[in-house]
């Protein structure tokens, strides 16, 4: 999954922020693959939940789509600064240029703004990320929304 490309964290962020970034990257991984993830379905999460949250699914997909676009831009910028060699989990690295740390911080801030602009709270975004991991029907709904967004993007 794309989580390896840029793990957009700083070690000093608290656990909730770290979870947000992991959630965002998980959503981005889904965006990038467009294939169903093979995970076990949780008995407590059913198709009814996925179907009843269609507006939230659209909002989630929209947020993931625009976060991925931002990630790609920021990754390209970090790649230039680092001479083409961006380490795995670059934002967790200790010895990276301060400009790359700034990119990581900007990405985190911009991702939160994208989520809020989509109409979700970060908590709702994180909850949908958790739920999709065990709910193939929800994953499929998100993938469908992502495909629509990709087709309509310039």
N, C-alpha and C. Protein backbone atom coordinates (compact mmCIF):
# COMPACT_ATOMS: atom_id res chain seq x y z
N UNK A 1 0.83 -1.17 0.00
CA UNK A 1 0.00 0.00 0.00
C UNK A 1 0.88 1.23 0.00
N UNK A 2 0.30 2.36 -0.22
CA UNK A 2 1.06 3.58 -0.36
C UNK A 2 1.51 4.14 0.98
N UNK A 3 1.22 3.47 2.04
CA UNK A 3 1.61 3.96 3.35
C UNK A 3 3.11 4.08 3.46
N UNK A 4 3.84 3.36 2.68
CA UNK A 4 5.29 3.39 2.76
C UNK A 4 5.88 4.63 2.12
N UNK A 5 5.23 5.20 1.13
CA UNK A 5 5.78 6.31 0.39
C UNK A 5 6.10 7.51 1.26
N UNK A 6 5.11 8.02 1.90
CA UNK A 6 5.30 9.16 2.80
C UNK A 6 4.42 8.91 3.99
N UNK A 7 4.98 8.66 5.11
CA UNK A 7 4.20 8.42 6.32
C UNK A 7 3.96 9.74 6.99
N UNK A 8 3.46 10.63 6.74
CA UNK A 8 3.37 12.01 7.13
C UNK A 8 3.18 12.25 8.63
N UNK A 9 4.13 11.84 9.41
CA UNK A 9 4.07 12.06 10.87
C UNK A 9 5.35 12.74 11.33
N UNK A 10 5.23 13.46 12.39
CA UNK A 10 6.38 13.92 13.15
C UNK A 10 6.34 13.16 14.47
N UNK A 11 7.49 12.75 14.98
CA UNK A 11 7.48 11.99 16.23
C UNK A 11 6.83 12.72 17.39
N UNK A 12 6.77 14.03 17.37
CA UNK A 12 6.25 14.76 18.51
C UNK A 12 4.73 14.86 18.54
N UNK A 13 4.02 14.46 17.49
CA UNK A 13 2.57 14.54 17.49
C UNK A 13 1.99 13.53 18.46
N UNK A 14 0.88 13.89 19.09
CA UNK A 14 0.25 12.99 20.05
C UNK A 14 -0.45 11.84 19.32
N UNK A 15 -0.89 10.85 20.07
CA UNK A 15 -1.43 9.61 19.51
C UNK A 15 -2.64 9.83 18.61
N UNK A 16 -3.51 10.75 18.96
CA UNK A 16 -4.71 10.98 18.13
C UNK A 16 -4.31 11.49 16.75
N UNK A 17 -3.34 12.37 16.70
CA UNK A 17 -2.87 12.88 15.42
C UNK A 17 -2.22 11.75 14.62
N UNK A 18 -1.45 10.93 15.30
CA UNK A 18 -0.83 9.80 14.61
C UNK A 18 -1.89 8.88 14.03
N UNK A 19 -2.95 8.63 14.80
CA UNK A 19 -4.01 7.77 14.28
C UNK A 19 -4.66 8.40 13.06
N UNK A 20 -4.87 9.72 13.10
CA UNK A 20 -5.45 10.41 11.95
C UNK A 20 -4.59 10.18 10.71
N UNK A 21 -3.29 10.33 10.84
CA UNK A 21 -2.42 10.17 9.69
C UNK A 21 -2.46 8.74 9.18
N UNK A 22 -2.43 7.78 10.08
CA UNK A 22 -2.52 6.38 9.66
C UNK A 22 -3.85 6.14 8.94
N UNK A 23 -4.92 6.73 9.47
CA UNK A 23 -6.23 6.60 8.83
C UNK A 23 -6.22 7.21 7.44
N UNK A 24 -5.64 8.38 7.34
CA UNK A 24 -5.58 9.06 6.04
C UNK A 24 -4.79 8.22 5.05
N UNK A 25 -3.67 7.68 5.50
CA UNK A 25 -2.86 6.87 4.60
C UNK A 25 -3.56 5.57 4.24
N UNK A 26 -4.31 5.02 5.15
CA UNK A 26 -5.10 3.83 4.84
C UNK A 26 -6.11 4.13 3.75
N UNK A 27 -6.76 5.25 3.87
CA UNK A 27 -7.74 5.66 2.85
C UNK A 27 -7.04 5.88 1.52
N UNK A 28 -5.86 6.47 1.58
CA UNK A 28 -5.10 6.71 0.37
C UNK A 28 -4.69 5.38 -0.27
N UNK A 29 -4.32 4.42 0.55
CA UNK A 29 -3.98 3.11 0.02
C UNK A 29 -5.15 2.50 -0.72
N UNK A 30 -6.33 2.67 -0.18
CA UNK A 30 -7.54 2.18 -0.84
C UNK A 30 -7.72 2.90 -2.17
N UNK A 31 -7.52 4.19 -2.17
CA UNK A 31 -7.63 4.98 -3.39
C UNK A 31 -6.66 4.49 -4.45
N UNK A 32 -5.45 4.22 -4.05
CA UNK A 32 -4.42 3.84 -5.00
C UNK A 32 -4.64 2.45 -5.60
N UNK A 33 -5.17 1.55 -4.84
CA UNK A 33 -5.26 0.17 -5.30
C UNK A 33 -6.50 -0.12 -6.13
N UNK A 34 -7.63 0.44 -5.77
CA UNK A 34 -8.91 0.15 -6.42
C UNK A 34 -9.22 -1.33 -6.48
N UNK A 35 -8.68 -2.09 -5.57
CA UNK A 35 -9.01 -3.51 -5.47
C UNK A 35 -9.51 -3.78 -4.07
N UNK A 36 -10.43 -4.71 -3.92
CA UNK A 36 -10.93 -4.98 -2.57
C UNK A 36 -9.83 -5.50 -1.67
N UNK A 37 -9.83 -5.03 -0.45
CA UNK A 37 -8.89 -5.53 0.53
C UNK A 37 -9.44 -6.82 1.10
N UNK A 38 -8.59 -7.78 1.31
CA UNK A 38 -9.03 -9.06 1.84
C UNK A 38 -8.85 -9.04 3.34
N UNK A 39 -9.91 -8.65 4.03
CA UNK A 39 -9.88 -8.62 5.48
C UNK A 39 -11.08 -9.39 6.01
N UNK A 40 -11.02 -9.77 7.26
CA UNK A 40 -12.14 -10.48 7.86
C UNK A 40 -13.25 -9.49 8.15
N UNK A 41 -14.47 -9.91 7.92
CA UNK A 41 -15.61 -9.05 8.21
C UNK A 41 -15.94 -9.15 9.68
N UNK A 42 -16.09 -8.00 10.29
CA UNK A 42 -16.45 -7.94 11.70
C UNK A 42 -17.93 -8.24 11.84
N UNK A 43 -18.31 -9.12 12.75
CA UNK A 43 -19.72 -9.44 12.90
C UNK A 43 -20.55 -8.25 13.38
N UNK A 44 -19.93 -7.26 13.99
CA UNK A 44 -20.70 -6.13 14.51
C UNK A 44 -20.92 -5.04 13.47
N UNK A 45 -20.32 -5.16 12.32
CA UNK A 45 -20.46 -4.14 11.29
C UNK A 45 -21.07 -4.80 10.06
N UNK A 46 -22.23 -4.33 9.67
CA UNK A 46 -22.92 -4.99 8.58
C UNK A 46 -23.15 -4.09 7.40
N UNK A 47 -23.75 -4.67 6.38
CA UNK A 47 -24.05 -3.95 5.16
C UNK A 47 -25.02 -2.81 5.44
N UNK A 48 -25.92 -2.98 6.38
CA UNK A 48 -26.88 -1.92 6.69
C UNK A 48 -26.17 -0.64 7.08
N UNK A 49 -25.09 -0.74 7.84
CA UNK A 49 -24.35 0.47 8.21
C UNK A 49 -23.79 1.14 6.97
N UNK A 50 -23.16 0.36 6.11
CA UNK A 50 -22.55 0.92 4.91
C UNK A 50 -23.60 1.59 4.03
N UNK A 51 -24.75 0.96 3.89
CA UNK A 51 -25.79 1.52 3.05
C UNK A 51 -26.40 2.76 3.68
N UNK A 52 -26.48 2.81 4.98
CA UNK A 52 -27.12 3.95 5.63
C UNK A 52 -26.20 5.17 5.71
N UNK A 53 -24.95 5.03 5.37
CA UNK A 53 -24.02 6.14 5.47
C UNK A 53 -23.57 6.65 4.11
N UNK A 54 -24.38 6.48 3.12
CA UNK A 54 -23.98 6.88 1.77
C UNK A 54 -23.44 8.31 1.68
N UNK A 55 -24.09 9.31 2.32
CA UNK A 55 -23.50 10.65 2.26
C UNK A 55 -22.12 10.70 2.92
N UNK A 56 -21.95 10.01 4.04
CA UNK A 56 -20.64 9.97 4.68
C UNK A 56 -19.62 9.23 3.83
N UNK A 57 -20.05 8.20 3.15
CA UNK A 57 -19.14 7.46 2.28
C UNK A 57 -18.64 8.38 1.16
N UNK A 58 -19.53 9.15 0.60
CA UNK A 58 -19.13 10.11 -0.45
C UNK A 58 -18.17 11.15 0.11
N UNK A 59 -18.46 11.64 1.29
CA UNK A 59 -17.59 12.64 1.92
C UNK A 59 -16.22 12.03 2.22
N UNK A 60 -16.22 10.81 2.71
CA UNK A 60 -14.97 10.11 3.03
C UNK A 60 -14.13 9.92 1.76
N UNK A 61 -14.77 9.44 0.71
CA UNK A 61 -14.06 9.21 -0.54
C UNK A 61 -13.50 10.51 -1.10
N UNK A 62 -14.29 11.57 -1.03
CA UNK A 62 -13.84 12.87 -1.53
C UNK A 62 -12.62 13.34 -0.73
N UNK A 63 -12.67 13.19 0.58
CA UNK A 63 -11.53 13.58 1.42
C UNK A 63 -10.30 12.75 1.06
N UNK A 64 -10.46 11.44 0.95
CA UNK A 64 -9.33 10.57 0.62
C UNK A 64 -8.74 10.93 -0.74
N UNK A 65 -9.61 11.23 -1.69
CA UNK A 65 -9.17 11.59 -3.04
C UNK A 65 -8.29 12.85 -3.02
N UNK A 66 -8.75 13.89 -2.34
CA UNK A 66 -8.00 15.14 -2.31
C UNK A 66 -6.78 15.07 -1.40
N UNK A 67 -6.84 14.25 -0.37
CA UNK A 67 -5.64 14.02 0.45
C UNK A 67 -4.57 13.34 -0.39
N UNK A 68 -4.98 12.39 -1.20
CA UNK A 68 -4.00 11.70 -2.06
C UNK A 68 -3.38 12.67 -3.06
N UNK A 69 -4.17 13.56 -3.62
CA UNK A 69 -3.59 14.56 -4.53
C UNK A 69 -2.56 15.42 -3.81
N UNK A 70 -2.90 15.84 -2.59
CA UNK A 70 -1.97 16.64 -1.80
C UNK A 70 -0.72 15.84 -1.47
N UNK A 71 -0.91 14.57 -1.12
CA UNK A 71 0.24 13.70 -0.79
C UNK A 71 1.19 13.58 -1.98
N UNK A 72 0.63 13.41 -3.16
CA UNK A 72 1.47 13.28 -4.35
C UNK A 72 2.28 14.55 -4.60
N UNK A 73 1.64 15.70 -4.43
CA UNK A 73 2.36 16.97 -4.61
C UNK A 73 3.47 17.11 -3.57
N UNK A 74 3.15 16.82 -2.33
CA UNK A 74 4.12 16.96 -1.25
C UNK A 74 5.25 15.95 -1.39
N UNK A 75 4.92 14.75 -1.81
CA UNK A 75 5.94 13.73 -2.02
C UNK A 75 6.91 14.17 -3.12
N UNK A 76 6.37 14.71 -4.21
CA UNK A 76 7.22 15.18 -5.31
C UNK A 76 8.15 16.30 -4.82
N UNK A 77 7.63 17.18 -4.00
CA UNK A 77 8.44 18.27 -3.45
C UNK A 77 9.54 17.72 -2.54
N UNK A 78 9.19 16.77 -1.67
CA UNK A 78 10.18 16.16 -0.79
C UNK A 78 11.24 15.41 -1.60
N UNK A 79 10.81 14.77 -2.67
CA UNK A 79 11.74 14.02 -3.53
C UNK A 79 12.77 14.96 -4.15
N UNK A 80 12.32 16.14 -4.59
CA UNK A 80 13.26 17.12 -5.16
C UNK A 80 14.26 17.57 -4.10
N UNK A 81 13.77 17.88 -2.93
CA UNK A 81 14.64 18.36 -1.86
C UNK A 81 15.66 17.30 -1.47
N UNK A 82 15.24 16.05 -1.48
CA UNK A 82 16.12 14.96 -1.04
C UNK A 82 16.87 14.31 -2.19
N UNK A 83 16.88 14.94 -3.33
CA UNK A 83 17.65 14.42 -4.46
C UNK A 83 17.11 13.13 -5.04
N UNK A 84 15.82 12.94 -4.96
CA UNK A 84 15.19 11.77 -5.56
C UNK A 84 15.11 10.55 -4.67
N UNK A 85 15.72 10.59 -3.51
CA UNK A 85 15.73 9.44 -2.62
C UNK A 85 14.95 9.76 -1.35
N UNK A 86 13.67 9.40 -1.34
CA UNK A 86 12.83 9.64 -0.17
C UNK A 86 12.73 8.34 0.62
N UNK A 87 13.21 8.34 1.87
CA UNK A 87 13.16 7.10 2.65
C UNK A 87 11.73 6.73 3.03
N UNK A 88 11.56 5.44 3.27
CA UNK A 88 10.27 4.96 3.76
C UNK A 88 9.98 5.68 5.08
N UNK A 89 8.72 6.03 5.29
CA UNK A 89 8.32 6.74 6.50
C UNK A 89 9.15 8.01 6.72
N UNK A 90 9.30 8.77 5.67
CA UNK A 90 10.19 9.94 5.68
C UNK A 90 9.90 10.88 6.84
N UNK A 91 8.67 11.07 7.19
CA UNK A 91 8.34 12.04 8.23
C UNK A 91 8.64 11.53 9.63
N UNK A 92 8.97 10.29 9.75
CA UNK A 92 9.38 9.74 11.04
C UNK A 92 10.90 9.76 11.18
N UNK A 93 11.57 10.08 10.12
CA UNK A 93 13.03 10.08 10.14
C UNK A 93 13.56 11.26 10.94
N UNK A 94 14.66 11.04 11.63
CA UNK A 94 15.27 12.08 12.46
C UNK A 94 16.13 13.04 11.63
N UNK A 95 16.87 12.52 10.70
CA UNK A 95 17.86 13.33 9.99
C UNK A 95 17.40 13.66 8.58
N UNK A 96 16.33 14.42 8.49
CA UNK A 96 15.88 14.88 7.18
C UNK A 96 15.92 16.40 7.17
N UNK A 97 16.01 16.99 6.00
CA UNK A 97 16.07 18.45 5.94
C UNK A 97 14.84 19.09 6.58
N UNK A 98 15.05 20.26 7.17
CA UNK A 98 13.94 20.94 7.83
C UNK A 98 12.82 21.26 6.85
N UNK A 99 13.16 21.50 5.59
CA UNK A 99 12.13 21.76 4.59
C UNK A 99 11.21 20.56 4.42
N UNK A 100 11.74 19.36 4.56
CA UNK A 100 10.92 18.15 4.45
C UNK A 100 10.05 18.02 5.70
N UNK A 101 10.59 18.35 6.86
CA UNK A 101 9.75 18.37 8.07
C UNK A 101 8.60 19.35 7.89
N UNK A 102 8.89 20.49 7.28
CA UNK A 102 7.84 21.49 7.03
C UNK A 102 6.77 20.93 6.09
N UNK A 103 7.20 20.19 5.09
CA UNK A 103 6.25 19.56 4.16
C UNK A 103 5.35 18.58 4.92
N UNK A 104 5.95 17.81 5.81
CA UNK A 104 5.17 16.85 6.61
C UNK A 104 4.12 17.56 7.45
N UNK A 105 4.52 18.62 8.11
CA UNK A 105 3.58 19.38 8.92
C UNK A 105 2.49 20.02 8.09
N UNK A 106 2.86 20.54 6.94
CA UNK A 106 1.88 21.17 6.04
C UNK A 106 0.89 20.13 5.54
N UNK A 107 1.39 18.93 5.22
CA UNK A 107 0.50 17.88 4.76
C UNK A 107 -0.52 17.51 5.83
N UNK A 108 -0.05 17.37 7.04
CA UNK A 108 -0.94 17.01 8.14
C UNK A 108 -2.02 18.07 8.32
N UNK A 109 -1.61 19.33 8.32
CA UNK A 109 -2.57 20.42 8.48
C UNK A 109 -3.55 20.46 7.30
N UNK A 110 -3.04 20.34 6.11
CA UNK A 110 -3.90 20.39 4.92
C UNK A 110 -4.85 19.19 4.89
N UNK A 111 -4.40 18.03 5.30
CA UNK A 111 -5.27 16.85 5.33
C UNK A 111 -6.45 17.06 6.27
N UNK A 112 -6.17 17.64 7.42
CA UNK A 112 -7.26 17.93 8.37
C UNK A 112 -8.25 18.92 7.75
N UNK A 113 -7.74 19.92 7.04
CA UNK A 113 -8.61 20.89 6.38
C UNK A 113 -9.46 20.22 5.30
N UNK A 114 -8.85 19.33 4.54
CA UNK A 114 -9.58 18.62 3.48
C UNK A 114 -10.71 17.79 4.09
N UNK A 115 -10.42 17.12 5.17
CA UNK A 115 -11.45 16.31 5.83
C UNK A 115 -12.60 17.19 6.29
N UNK A 116 -12.28 18.29 6.93
CA UNK A 116 -13.32 19.20 7.42
C UNK A 116 -14.09 19.81 6.25
N UNK A 117 -13.40 20.19 5.18
CA UNK A 117 -14.06 20.75 4.00
C UNK A 117 -14.98 19.74 3.32
N UNK A 118 -14.71 18.45 3.50
CA UNK A 118 -15.56 17.42 2.91
C UNK A 118 -16.86 17.25 3.69
N UNK A 119 -16.91 17.84 4.88
CA UNK A 119 -18.12 17.74 5.70
C UNK A 119 -18.01 16.73 6.83
N UNK A 120 -16.85 16.14 7.01
CA UNK A 120 -16.63 15.18 8.09
C UNK A 120 -15.76 15.79 9.17
N UNK A 121 -15.88 15.26 10.36
CA UNK A 121 -14.91 15.57 11.40
C UNK A 121 -13.78 14.56 11.27
N UNK A 122 -12.67 14.84 11.89
CA UNK A 122 -11.56 13.89 11.87
C UNK A 122 -11.98 12.60 12.57
N UNK A 123 -12.76 12.71 13.62
CA UNK A 123 -13.27 11.52 14.32
C UNK A 123 -14.12 10.67 13.39
N UNK A 124 -15.01 11.30 12.62
CA UNK A 124 -15.84 10.55 11.68
C UNK A 124 -14.98 9.89 10.60
N UNK A 125 -13.99 10.62 10.10
CA UNK A 125 -13.09 10.07 9.09
C UNK A 125 -12.37 8.84 9.65
N UNK A 126 -11.86 8.96 10.86
CA UNK A 126 -11.15 7.84 11.49
C UNK A 126 -12.07 6.66 11.73
N UNK A 127 -13.30 6.93 12.14
CA UNK A 127 -14.26 5.86 12.39
C UNK A 127 -14.59 5.10 11.09
N UNK A 128 -14.78 5.84 10.01
CA UNK A 128 -15.04 5.17 8.73
C UNK A 128 -13.82 4.36 8.28
N UNK A 129 -12.64 4.87 8.56
CA UNK A 129 -11.43 4.11 8.23
C UNK A 129 -11.40 2.80 9.00
N UNK A 130 -11.70 2.86 10.29
CA UNK A 130 -11.73 1.63 11.09
C UNK A 130 -12.80 0.66 10.57
N UNK A 131 -13.97 1.19 10.28
CA UNK A 131 -15.07 0.33 9.85
C UNK A 131 -14.81 -0.32 8.49
N UNK A 132 -14.22 0.40 7.58
CA UNK A 132 -14.00 -0.15 6.25
C UNK A 132 -13.03 -1.33 6.27
N UNK A 133 -12.16 -1.35 7.25
CA UNK A 133 -11.19 -2.44 7.33
C UNK A 133 -11.86 -3.79 7.53
N UNK A 134 -13.02 -3.81 8.17
CA UNK A 134 -13.70 -5.08 8.41
C UNK A 134 -15.00 -5.23 7.66
N UNK A 135 -15.26 -4.34 6.71
CA UNK A 135 -16.54 -4.34 6.03
C UNK A 135 -16.35 -4.24 4.52
N UNK A 136 -16.31 -5.38 3.83
CA UNK A 136 -16.11 -5.36 2.38
C UNK A 136 -17.16 -4.55 1.62
N UNK A 137 -18.40 -4.53 2.10
CA UNK A 137 -19.43 -3.75 1.43
C UNK A 137 -19.12 -2.25 1.51
N UNK A 138 -18.66 -1.81 2.67
CA UNK A 138 -18.28 -0.41 2.83
C UNK A 138 -17.06 -0.09 1.96
N UNK A 139 -16.11 -1.00 1.92
CA UNK A 139 -14.94 -0.81 1.06
C UNK A 139 -15.37 -0.63 -0.39
N UNK A 140 -16.31 -1.44 -0.83
CA UNK A 140 -16.78 -1.37 -2.21
C UNK A 140 -17.47 -0.03 -2.49
N UNK A 141 -18.27 0.43 -1.54
CA UNK A 141 -18.92 1.72 -1.72
C UNK A 141 -17.90 2.85 -1.83
N UNK A 142 -16.88 2.80 -1.00
CA UNK A 142 -15.82 3.82 -1.06
C UNK A 142 -15.09 3.75 -2.39
N UNK A 143 -14.77 2.54 -2.83
CA UNK A 143 -14.09 2.38 -4.12
C UNK A 143 -14.93 2.93 -5.26
N UNK A 144 -16.22 2.68 -5.23
CA UNK A 144 -17.10 3.20 -6.28
C UNK A 144 -17.07 4.72 -6.31
N UNK A 145 -17.12 5.33 -5.15
CA UNK A 145 -17.07 6.79 -5.06
C UNK A 145 -15.71 7.32 -5.55
N UNK A 146 -14.65 6.62 -5.20
CA UNK A 146 -13.33 7.05 -5.64
C UNK A 146 -13.20 6.97 -7.16
N UNK A 147 -13.75 5.92 -7.75
CA UNK A 147 -13.71 5.79 -9.21
C UNK A 147 -14.48 6.92 -9.88
N UNK A 148 -15.63 7.28 -9.32
CA UNK A 148 -16.39 8.40 -9.87
C UNK A 148 -15.58 9.69 -9.81
N UNK A 149 -14.94 9.91 -8.69
CA UNK A 149 -14.12 11.12 -8.53
C UNK A 149 -12.96 11.14 -9.51
N UNK A 150 -12.32 9.98 -9.66
CA UNK A 150 -11.18 9.92 -10.58
C UNK A 150 -11.63 10.19 -12.03
N UNK A 151 -12.76 9.65 -12.41
CA UNK A 151 -13.26 9.84 -13.77
C UNK A 151 -13.66 11.29 -14.04
N UNK A 152 -14.12 11.98 -13.01
CA UNK A 152 -14.56 13.36 -13.20
C UNK A 152 -13.44 14.38 -12.99
N UNK A 153 -12.28 13.92 -12.51
CA UNK A 153 -11.16 14.84 -12.26
C UNK A 153 -10.53 15.26 -13.59
N UNK A 154 -10.09 16.52 -13.62
CA UNK A 154 -9.45 17.01 -14.86
C UNK A 154 -8.11 16.34 -15.11
